[in-house]
Amino acid sequence: MNDDNQTTPAKPWWGYKGMSAIEYAAIHTGQPCSGTPWLDEMIRAQRRERLAGQALAGVLAGEPIGWTEKEVAEDAIAHADALIAALEGGAK
């Protein structure tokens, strides 16, 4: 792979004009490794929201009787944060 692929603009059919191939790949794979700090933060926030939504579906499937909506939401977010921490090599 040519190192220029990480910094040169992507081909027009890959993404928006001026977007590097690595930025395009980071967005479409959901990996915060574009090298652009603000973009990586957006990817991290989106990943957390997506994982929390998936965890919420699992929590609700278990019929959390007696839980408040806030408790259900907090539990889903905690599961998402734990998964992200584990994926990044740490434990939470």
PDB file of N, CA and C in Angstrom:
ATOM      1  N   MET A   1       0.841  -1.187   0.000  1.00  0.00           N
ATOM      2  CA  MET A   1       0.000   0.000   0.000  1.00  0.00           C
ATOM      3  C   MET A   1       0.879   1.240   0.000  1.00  0.00           C
ATOM      4  N   ASN A   2       0.527   2.164  -0.790  1.00  0.00           N
ATOM      5  CA  ASN A   2       1.257   3.416  -0.891  1.00  0.00           C
ATOM      6  C   ASN A   2       0.900   4.309   0.295  1.00  0.00           C
ATOM      7  N   ASP A   3       1.891   4.870   0.969  1.00  0.00           N
ATOM      8  CA  ASP A   3       1.634   5.743   2.121  1.00  0.00           C
ATOM      9  C   ASP A   3       0.819   6.973   1.747  1.00  0.00           C
ATOM     10  N   ASP A   4       0.863   7.367   0.470  1.00  0.00           N
ATOM     11  CA  ASP A   4       0.095   8.530   0.036  1.00  0.00           C
ATOM     12  C   ASP A   4      -1.406   8.307   0.191  1.00  0.00           C
ATOM     13  N   ASN A   5      -1.849   7.052   0.261  1.00  0.00           N
ATOM     14  CA  ASN A   5      -3.275   6.756   0.407  1.00  0.00           C
ATOM     15  C   ASN A   5      -3.844   7.307   1.709  1.00  0.00           C
ATOM     16  N   GLN A   6      -3.007   7.554   2.682  1.00  0.00           N
ATOM     17  CA  GLN A   6      -3.495   8.049   3.958  1.00  0.00           C
ATOM     18  C   GLN A   6      -3.711   9.553   3.969  1.00  0.00           C
ATOM     19  N   THR A   7      -3.083  10.267   3.068  1.00  0.00           N
ATOM     20  CA  THR A   7      -3.176  11.722   3.128  1.00  0.00           C
ATOM     21  C   THR A   7      -3.715  12.365   1.861  1.00  0.00           C
ATOM     22  N   THR A   8      -3.676  11.664   0.761  1.00  0.00           N
ATOM     23  CA  THR A   8      -4.170  12.258  -0.479  1.00  0.00           C
ATOM     24  C   THR A   8      -5.684  12.152  -0.545  1.00  0.00           C
ATOM     25  N   PRO A   9      -6.323  13.078  -1.236  1.00  0.00           N
ATOM     26  CA  PRO A   9      -7.781  13.021  -1.348  1.00  0.00           C
ATOM     27  C   PRO A   9      -8.239  11.712  -1.974  1.00  0.00           C
ATOM     28  N   ALA A  10      -9.374  11.231  -1.484  1.00  0.00           N
ATOM     29  CA  ALA A  10      -9.935   9.991  -2.011  1.00  0.00           C
ATOM     30  C   ALA A  10     -10.453  10.220  -3.421  1.00  0.00           C
ATOM     31  N   LYS A  11     -10.578   9.143  -4.148  1.00  0.00           N
ATOM     32  CA  LYS A  11     -11.169   9.215  -5.483  1.00  0.00           C
ATOM     33  C   LYS A  11     -12.607   9.706  -5.341  1.00  0.00           C
ATOM     34  N   PRO A  12     -13.122  10.431  -6.317  1.00  0.00           N
ATOM     35  CA  PRO A  12     -14.485  10.964  -6.206  1.00  0.00           C
ATOM     36  C   PRO A  12     -15.540   9.917  -5.873  1.00  0.00           C
ATOM     37  N   TRP A  13     -15.369   8.688  -6.320  1.00  0.00           N
ATOM     38  CA  TRP A  13     -16.372   7.659  -6.038  1.00  0.00           C
ATOM     39  C   TRP A  13     -16.216   7.069  -4.644  1.00  0.00           C
ATOM     40  N   TRP A  14     -15.161   7.424  -3.923  1.00  0.00           N
ATOM     41  CA  TRP A  14     -14.963   6.956  -2.563  1.00  0.00           C
ATOM     42  C   TRP A  14     -15.635   7.843  -1.539  1.00  0.00           C
ATOM     43  N   GLY A  15     -15.755   9.101  -1.813  1.00  0.00           N
ATOM     44  CA  GLY A  15     -16.285  10.004  -0.806  1.00  0.00           C
ATOM     45  C   GLY A  15     -16.319  11.421  -1.319  1.00  0.00           C
ATOM     46  N   TYR A  16     -16.361  12.339  -0.409  1.00  0.00           N
ATOM     47  CA  TYR A  16     -16.439  13.741  -0.775  1.00  0.00           C
ATOM     48  C   TYR A  16     -15.087  14.255  -1.237  1.00  0.00           C
ATOM     49  N   LYS A  17     -15.138  15.210  -2.144  1.00  0.00           N
ATOM     50  CA  LYS A  17     -13.900  15.800  -2.659  1.00  0.00           C
ATOM     51  C   LYS A  17     -13.105  16.391  -1.498  1.00  0.00           C
ATOM     52  N   GLY A  18     -11.847  16.071  -1.443  1.00  0.00           N
ATOM     53  CA  GLY A  18     -10.971  16.593  -0.407  1.00  0.00           C
ATOM     54  C   GLY A  18     -10.855  15.694   0.813  1.00  0.00           C
ATOM     55  N   MET A  19     -11.660  14.650   0.899  1.00  0.00           N
ATOM     56  CA  MET A  19     -11.582  13.721   2.021  1.00  0.00           C
ATOM     57  C   MET A  19     -10.485  12.700   1.716  1.00  0.00           C
ATOM     58  N   SER A  20      -9.623  12.454   2.683  1.00  0.00           N
ATOM     59  CA  SER A  20      -8.575  11.469   2.444  1.00  0.00           C
ATOM     60  C   SER A  20      -9.174  10.068   2.500  1.00  0.00           C
ATOM     61  N   ALA A  21      -8.477   9.139   1.924  1.00  0.00           N
ATOM     62  CA  ALA A  21      -8.938   7.750   1.919  1.00  0.00           C
ATOM     63  C   ALA A  21      -9.057   7.228   3.351  1.00  0.00           C
ATOM     64  N   ILE A  22      -8.138   7.619   4.219  1.00  0.00           N
ATOM     65  CA  ILE A  22      -8.190   7.124   5.603  1.00  0.00           C
ATOM     66  C   ILE A  22      -9.378   7.742   6.359  1.00  0.00           C
ATOM     67  N   GLU A  23      -9.719   8.995   6.074  1.00  0.00           N
ATOM     68  CA  GLU A  23     -10.904   9.599   6.692  1.00  0.00           C
ATOM     69  C   GLU A  23     -12.163   8.875   6.226  1.00  0.00           C
ATOM     70  N   TYR A  24     -12.229   8.605   4.942  1.00  0.00           N
ATOM     71  CA  TYR A  24     -13.375   7.892   4.381  1.00  0.00           C
ATOM     72  C   TYR A  24     -13.510   6.510   5.031  1.00  0.00           C
ATOM     73  N   ALA A  25     -12.394   5.784   5.120  1.00  0.00           N
ATOM     74  CA  ALA A  25     -12.418   4.447   5.716  1.00  0.00           C
ATOM     75  C   ALA A  25     -12.814   4.509   7.195  1.00  0.00           C
ATOM     76  N   ALA A  26     -12.302   5.488   7.920  1.00  0.00           N
ATOM     77  CA  ALA A  26     -12.632   5.625   9.344  1.00  0.00           C
ATOM     78  C   ALA A  26     -14.126   5.851   9.539  1.00  0.00           C
ATOM     79  N   ILE A  27     -14.712   6.695   8.712  1.00  0.00           N
ATOM     80  CA  ILE A  27     -16.147   6.968   8.814  1.00  0.00           C
ATOM     81  C   ILE A  27     -16.947   5.713   8.524  1.00  0.00           C
ATOM     82  N   HIS A  28     -16.622   5.036   7.457  1.00  0.00           N
ATOM     83  CA  HIS A  28     -17.435   3.901   7.032  1.00  0.00           C
ATOM     84  C   HIS A  28     -17.197   2.631   7.828  1.00  0.00           C
ATOM     85  N   THR A  29     -16.095   2.546   8.537  1.00  0.00           N
ATOM     86  CA  THR A  29     -15.873   1.385   9.400  1.00  0.00           C
ATOM     87  C   THR A  29     -16.195   1.691  10.856  1.00  0.00           C
ATOM     88  N   GLY A  30     -16.408   2.974  11.166  1.00  0.00           N
ATOM     89  CA  GLY A  30     -16.706   3.359  12.542  1.00  0.00           C
ATOM     90  C   GLY A  30     -15.499   3.296  13.452  1.00  0.00           C
ATOM     91  N   GLN A  31     -14.326   3.389  12.882  1.00  0.00           N
ATOM     92  CA  GLN A  31     -13.091   3.340  13.660  1.00  0.00           C
ATOM     93  C   GLN A  31     -12.503   4.739  13.796  1.00  0.00           C
ATOM     94  N   PRO A  32     -12.309   5.235  15.016  1.00  0.00           N
ATOM     95  CA  PRO A  32     -11.785   6.594  15.214  1.00  0.00           C
ATOM     96  C   PRO A  32     -10.281   6.666  15.002  1.00  0.00           C
ATOM     97  N   CYS A  33      -9.857   6.434  13.766  1.00  0.00           N
ATOM     98  CA  CYS A  33      -8.418   6.419  13.472  1.00  0.00           C
ATOM     99  C   CYS A  33      -8.102   7.234  12.222  1.00  0.00           C
ATOM    100  N   SER A  34      -8.889   8.287  11.996  1.00  0.00           N
ATOM    101  CA  SER A  34      -8.702   9.082  10.785  1.00  0.00           C
ATOM    102  C   SER A  34      -7.485   9.997  10.857  1.00  0.00           C
ATOM    103  N   GLY A  35      -7.054  10.313  12.084  1.00  0.00           N
ATOM    104  CA  GLY A  35      -5.972  11.269  12.251  1.00  0.00           C
ATOM    105  C   GLY A  35      -6.466  12.705  12.326  1.00  0.00           C
ATOM    106  N   THR A  36      -7.782  12.893  12.176  1.00  0.00           N
ATOM    107  CA  THR A  36      -8.397  14.214  12.286  1.00  0.00           C
ATOM    108  C   THR A  36      -9.152  14.230  13.618  1.00  0.00           C
ATOM    109  N   PRO A  37      -8.657  14.951  14.627  1.00  0.00           N
ATOM    110  CA  PRO A  37      -9.230  14.867  15.972  1.00  0.00           C
ATOM    111  C   PRO A  37     -10.742  15.082  16.048  1.00  0.00           C
ATOM    112  N   TRP A  38     -11.268  16.112  15.398  1.00  0.00           N
ATOM    113  CA  TRP A  38     -12.708  16.370  15.511  1.00  0.00           C
ATOM    114  C   TRP A  38     -13.516  15.264  14.851  1.00  0.00           C
ATOM    115  N   LEU A  39     -13.013  14.685  13.787  1.00  0.00           N
ATOM    116  CA  LEU A  39     -13.716  13.586  13.118  1.00  0.00           C
ATOM    117  C   LEU A  39     -13.682  12.332  13.983  1.00  0.00           C
ATOM    118  N   ASP A  40     -12.538  12.054  14.592  1.00  0.00           N
ATOM    119  CA  ASP A  40     -12.436  10.886  15.467  1.00  0.00           C
ATOM    120  C   ASP A  40     -13.378  11.004  16.664  1.00  0.00           C
ATOM    121  N   GLU A  41     -13.532  12.216  17.201  1.00  0.00           N
ATOM    122  CA  GLU A  41     -14.477  12.415  18.311  1.00  0.00           C
ATOM    123  C   GLU A  41     -15.918  12.155  17.865  1.00  0.00           C
ATOM    124  N   MET A  42     -16.266  12.601  16.664  1.00  0.00           N
ATOM    125  CA  MET A  42     -17.614  12.345  16.138  1.00  0.00           C
ATOM    126  C   MET A  42     -17.839  10.844  15.955  1.00  0.00           C
ATOM    127  N   ILE A  43     -16.835  10.143  15.466  1.00  0.00           N
ATOM    128  CA  ILE A  43     -16.956   8.697  15.269  1.00  0.00           C
ATOM    129  C   ILE A  43     -17.124   8.003  16.613  1.00  0.00           C
ATOM    130  N   ARG A  44     -16.352   8.426  17.626  1.00  0.00           N
ATOM    131  CA  ARG A  44     -16.488   7.823  18.965  1.00  0.00           C
ATOM    132  C   ARG A  44     -17.887   8.055  19.540  1.00  0.00           C
ATOM    133  N   ALA A  45     -18.410   9.270  19.387  1.00  0.00           N
ATOM    134  CA  ALA A  45     -19.748   9.579  19.908  1.00  0.00           C
ATOM    135  C   ALA A  45     -20.810   8.752  19.195  1.00  0.00           C
ATOM    136  N   GLN A  46     -20.681   8.620  17.883  1.00  0.00           N
ATOM    137  CA  GLN A  46     -21.653   7.843  17.120  1.00  0.00           C
ATOM    138  C   GLN A  46     -21.579   6.371  17.507  1.00  0.00           C
ATOM    139  N   ARG A  47     -20.368   5.865  17.703  1.00  0.00           N
ATOM    140  CA  ARG A  47     -20.209   4.456  18.086  1.00  0.00           C
ATOM    141  C   ARG A  47     -20.838   4.212  19.457  1.00  0.00           C
ATOM    142  N   ARG A  48     -20.630   5.135  20.386  1.00  0.00           N
ATOM    143  CA  ARG A  48     -21.210   4.980  21.722  1.00  0.00           C
ATOM    144  C   ARG A  48     -22.737   4.976  21.648  1.00  0.00           C
ATOM    145  N   GLU A  49     -23.295   5.892  20.869  1.00  0.00           N
ATOM    146  CA  GLU A  49     -24.759   5.950  20.730  1.00  0.00           C
ATOM    147  C   GLU A  49     -25.303   4.681  20.086  1.00  0.00           C
ATOM    148  N   ARG A  50     -24.619   4.181  19.053  1.00  0.00           N
ATOM    149  CA  ARG A  50     -25.079   2.969  18.364  1.00  0.00           C
ATOM    150  C   ARG A  50     -25.025   1.768  19.303  1.00  0.00           C
ATOM    151  N   LEU A  51     -23.923   1.621  20.033  1.00  0.00           N
ATOM    152  CA  LEU A  51     -23.802   0.496  20.958  1.00  0.00           C
ATOM    153  C   LEU A  51     -24.797   0.602  22.110  1.00  0.00           C
ATOM    154  N   ALA A  52     -25.040   1.821  22.587  1.00  0.00           N
ATOM    155  CA  ALA A  52     -26.031   1.998  23.657  1.00  0.00           C
ATOM    156  C   ALA A  52     -27.419   1.618  23.156  1.00  0.00           C
ATOM    157  N   GLY A  53     -27.744   1.954  21.925  1.00  0.00           N
ATOM    158  CA  GLY A  53     -29.034   1.573  21.353  1.00  0.00           C
ATOM    159  C   GLY A  53     -29.178   0.068  21.246  1.00  0.00           C
ATOM    160  N   GLN A  54     -28.117  -0.596  20.841  1.00  0.00           N
ATOM    161  CA  GLN A  54     -28.153  -2.054  20.754  1.00  0.00           C
ATOM    162  C   GLN A  54     -28.262  -2.676  22.143  1.00  0.00           C
ATOM    163  N   ALA A  55     -27.540  -2.114  23.109  1.00  0.00           N
ATOM    164  CA  ALA A  55     -27.628  -2.611  24.482  1.00  0.00           C
ATOM    165  C   ALA A  55     -29.020  -2.367  25.048  1.00  0.00           C
ATOM    166  N   LEU A  56     -29.613  -1.226  24.705  1.00  0.00           N
ATOM    167  CA  LEU A  56     -30.962  -0.915  25.169  1.00  0.00           C
ATOM    168  C   LEU A  56     -31.953  -1.970  24.685  1.00  0.00           C
ATOM    169  N   ALA A  57     -31.827  -2.383  23.446  1.00  0.00           N
ATOM    170  CA  ALA A  57     -32.708  -3.430  22.920  1.00  0.00           C
ATOM    171  C   ALA A  57     -32.550  -4.715  23.732  1.00  0.00           C
ATOM    172  N   GLY A  58     -31.325  -5.050  24.073  1.00  0.00           N
ATOM    173  CA  GLY A  58     -31.086  -6.240  24.886  1.00  0.00           C
ATOM    174  C   GLY A  58     -31.645  -6.112  26.289  1.00  0.00           C
ATOM    175  N   VAL A  59     -31.458  -4.946  26.890  1.00  0.00           N
ATOM    176  CA  VAL A  59     -31.986  -4.719  28.241  1.00  0.00           C
ATOM    177  C   VAL A  59     -33.507  -4.831  28.236  1.00  0.00           C
ATOM    178  N   LEU A  60     -34.141  -4.203  27.251  1.00  0.00           N
ATOM    179  CA  LEU A  60     -35.603  -4.233  27.177  1.00  0.00           C
ATOM    180  C   LEU A  60     -36.124  -5.630  26.862  1.00  0.00           C
ATOM    181  N   ALA A  61     -35.354  -6.418  26.118  1.00  0.00           N
ATOM    182  CA  ALA A  61     -35.767  -7.784  25.811  1.00  0.00           C
ATOM    183  C   ALA A  61     -35.827  -8.634  27.075  1.00  0.00           C
ATOM    184  N   GLY A  62     -35.027  -8.246  28.069  1.00  0.00           N
ATOM    185  CA  GLY A  62     -35.034  -8.963  29.351  1.00  0.00           C
ATOM    186  C   GLY A  62     -36.158  -8.535  30.269  1.00  0.00           C
ATOM    187  N   GLU A  63     -37.037  -7.667  29.802  1.00  0.00           N
ATOM    188  CA  GLU A  63     -38.181  -7.164  30.553  1.00  0.00           C
ATOM    189  C   GLU A  63     -37.784  -6.687  31.959  1.00  0.00           C
ATOM    190  N   PRO A  64     -37.108  -5.553  32.032  1.00  0.00           N
ATOM    191  CA  PRO A  64     -36.666  -5.027  33.330  1.00  0.00           C
ATOM    192  C   PRO A  64     -37.838  -4.466  34.147  1.00  0.00           C
ATOM    193  N   ILE A  65     -38.623  -5.356  34.694  1.00  0.00           N
ATOM    194  CA  ILE A  65     -39.822  -4.972  35.452  1.00  0.00           C
ATOM    195  C   ILE A  65     -39.414  -4.174  36.691  1.00  0.00           C
ATOM    196  N   GLY A  66     -40.074  -3.049  36.895  1.00  0.00           N
ATOM    197  CA  GLY A  66     -39.810  -2.215  38.055  1.00  0.00           C
ATOM    198  C   GLY A  66     -38.708  -1.185  37.843  1.00  0.00           C
ATOM    199  N   TRP A  67     -38.035  -1.231  36.722  1.00  0.00           N
ATOM    200  CA  TRP A  67     -36.995  -0.255  36.444  1.00  0.00           C
ATOM    201  C   TRP A  67     -37.623   1.017  35.901  1.00  0.00           C
ATOM    202  N   THR A  68     -37.050   2.142  36.254  1.00  0.00           N
ATOM    203  CA  THR A  68     -37.497   3.396  35.659  1.00  0.00           C
ATOM    204  C   THR A  68     -36.854   3.521  34.272  1.00  0.00           C
ATOM    205  N   GLU A  69     -37.390   4.414  33.460  1.00  0.00           N
ATOM    206  CA  GLU A  69     -36.797   4.642  32.133  1.00  0.00           C
ATOM    207  C   GLU A  69     -35.355   5.106  32.266  1.00  0.00           C
ATOM    208  N   LYS A  70     -35.093   5.933  33.273  1.00  0.00           N
ATOM    209  CA  LYS A  70     -33.737   6.424  33.493  1.00  0.00           C
ATOM    210  C   LYS A  70     -32.794   5.277  33.851  1.00  0.00           C
ATOM    211  N   GLU A  71     -33.238   4.351  34.684  1.00  0.00           N
ATOM    212  CA  GLU A  71     -32.398   3.207  35.066  1.00  0.00           C
ATOM    213  C   GLU A  71     -32.100   2.315  33.859  1.00  0.00           C
ATOM    214  N   VAL A  72     -33.110   2.121  33.012  1.00  0.00           N
ATOM    215  CA  VAL A  72     -32.918   1.313  31.805  1.00  0.00           C
ATOM    216  C   VAL A  72     -31.894   1.980  30.894  1.00  0.00           C
ATOM    217  N   ALA A  73     -32.044   3.283  30.690  1.00  0.00           N
ATOM    218  CA  ALA A  73     -31.117   4.022  29.827  1.00  0.00           C
ATOM    219  C   ALA A  73     -29.699   4.000  30.391  1.00  0.00           C
ATOM    220  N   GLU A  74     -29.566   4.228  31.689  1.00  0.00           N
ATOM    221  CA  GLU A  74     -28.240   4.228  32.312  1.00  0.00           C
ATOM    222  C   GLU A  74     -27.578   2.861  32.207  1.00  0.00           C
ATOM    223  N   ASP A  75     -28.364   1.799  32.334  1.00  0.00           N
ATOM    224  CA  ASP A  75     -27.824   0.450  32.215  1.00  0.00           C
ATOM    225  C   ASP A  75     -27.323   0.198  30.788  1.00  0.00           C
ATOM    226  N   ALA A  76     -28.097   0.633  29.804  1.00  0.00           N
ATOM    227  CA  ALA A  76     -27.685   0.459  28.410  1.00  0.00           C
ATOM    228  C   ALA A  76     -26.395   1.221  28.121  1.00  0.00           C
ATOM    229  N   ILE A  77     -26.290   2.439  28.633  1.00  0.00           N
ATOM    230  CA  ILE A  77     -25.075   3.240  28.437  1.00  0.00           C
ATOM    231  C   ILE A  77     -23.885   2.590  29.132  1.00  0.00           C
ATOM    232  N   ALA A  78     -24.114   2.047  30.323  1.00  0.00           N
ATOM    233  CA  ALA A  78     -23.026   1.370  31.040  1.00  0.00           C
ATOM    234  C   ALA A  78     -22.525   0.160  30.256  1.00  0.00           C
ATOM    235  N   HIS A  79     -23.453  -0.590  29.650  1.00  0.00           N
ATOM    236  CA  HIS A  79     -23.049  -1.737  28.821  1.00  0.00           C
ATOM    237  C   HIS A  79     -22.242  -1.267  27.613  1.00  0.00           C
ATOM    238  N   ALA A  80     -22.682  -0.198  26.968  1.00  0.00           N
ATOM    239  CA  ALA A  80     -21.965   0.338  25.808  1.00  0.00           C
ATOM    240  C   ALA A  80     -20.570   0.791  26.213  1.00  0.00           C
ATOM    241  N   ASP A  81     -20.460   1.519  27.317  1.00  0.00           N
ATOM    242  CA  ASP A  81     -19.155   2.003  27.782  1.00  0.00           C
ATOM    243  C   ASP A  81     -18.229   0.846  28.137  1.00  0.00           C
ATOM    244  N   ALA A  82     -18.787  -0.202  28.746  1.00  0.00           N
ATOM    245  CA  ALA A  82     -17.972  -1.370  29.096  1.00  0.00           C
ATOM    246  C   ALA A  82     -17.461  -2.074  27.844  1.00  0.00           C
ATOM    247  N   LEU A  83     -18.301  -2.186  26.838  1.00  0.00           N
ATOM    248  CA  LEU A  83     -17.877  -2.814  25.592  1.00  0.00           C
ATOM    249  C   LEU A  83     -16.793  -1.997  24.911  1.00  0.00           C
ATOM    250  N   ILE A  84     -16.974  -0.687  24.866  1.00  0.00           N
ATOM    251  CA  ILE A  84     -15.964   0.184  24.250  1.00  0.00           C
ATOM    252  C   ILE A  84     -14.637   0.062  25.003  1.00  0.00           C
ATOM    253  N   ALA A  85     -14.685   0.059  26.327  1.00  0.00           N
ATOM    254  CA  ALA A  85     -13.463  -0.070  27.126  1.00  0.00           C
ATOM    255  C   ALA A  85     -12.775  -1.406  26.843  1.00  0.00           C
ATOM    256  N   ALA A  86     -13.555  -2.467  26.751  1.00  0.00           N
ATOM    257  CA  ALA A  86     -12.972  -3.780  26.469  1.00  0.00           C
ATOM    258  C   ALA A  86     -12.359  -3.817  25.065  1.00  0.00           C
ATOM    259  N   LEU A  87     -13.038  -3.219  24.110  1.00  0.00           N
ATOM    260  CA  LEU A  87     -12.514  -3.191  22.738  1.00  0.00           C
ATOM    261  C   LEU A  87     -11.228  -2.387  22.637  1.00  0.00           C
ATOM    262  N   GLU A  88     -11.102  -1.366  23.477  1.00  0.00           N
ATOM    263  CA  GLU A  88      -9.918  -0.512  23.461  1.00  0.00           C
ATOM    264  C   GLU A  88      -8.805  -1.052  24.360  1.00  0.00           C
ATOM    265  N   GLY A  89      -9.010  -2.229  24.923  1.00  0.00           N
ATOM    266  CA  GLY A  89      -7.969  -2.876  25.690  1.00  0.00           C
ATOM    267  C   GLY A  89      -7.996  -2.628  27.181  1.00  0.00           C
ATOM    268  N   GLY A  90      -8.998  -1.939  27.666  1.00  0.00           N
ATOM    269  CA  GLY A  90      -9.100  -1.690  29.097  1.00  0.00           C
ATOM    270  C   GLY A  90     -10.354  -2.317  29.656  1.00  0.00           C
ATOM    271  N   ALA A  91     -10.457  -2.352  30.913  1.00  0.00           N
ATOM    272  CA  ALA A  91     -11.647  -2.878  31.568  1.00  0.00           C
ATOM    273  C   ALA A  91     -12.303  -1.738  32.328  1.00  0.00           C
ATOM    274  N   LYS A  92     -13.603  -1.775  32.398  1.00  0.00           N
ATOM    275  CA  LYS A  92     -14.298  -0.724  33.114  1.00  0.00           C
ATOM    276  C   LYS A  92     -15.224  -1.336  34.136  1.00  0.00           C
TER     277      LYS A  92
END
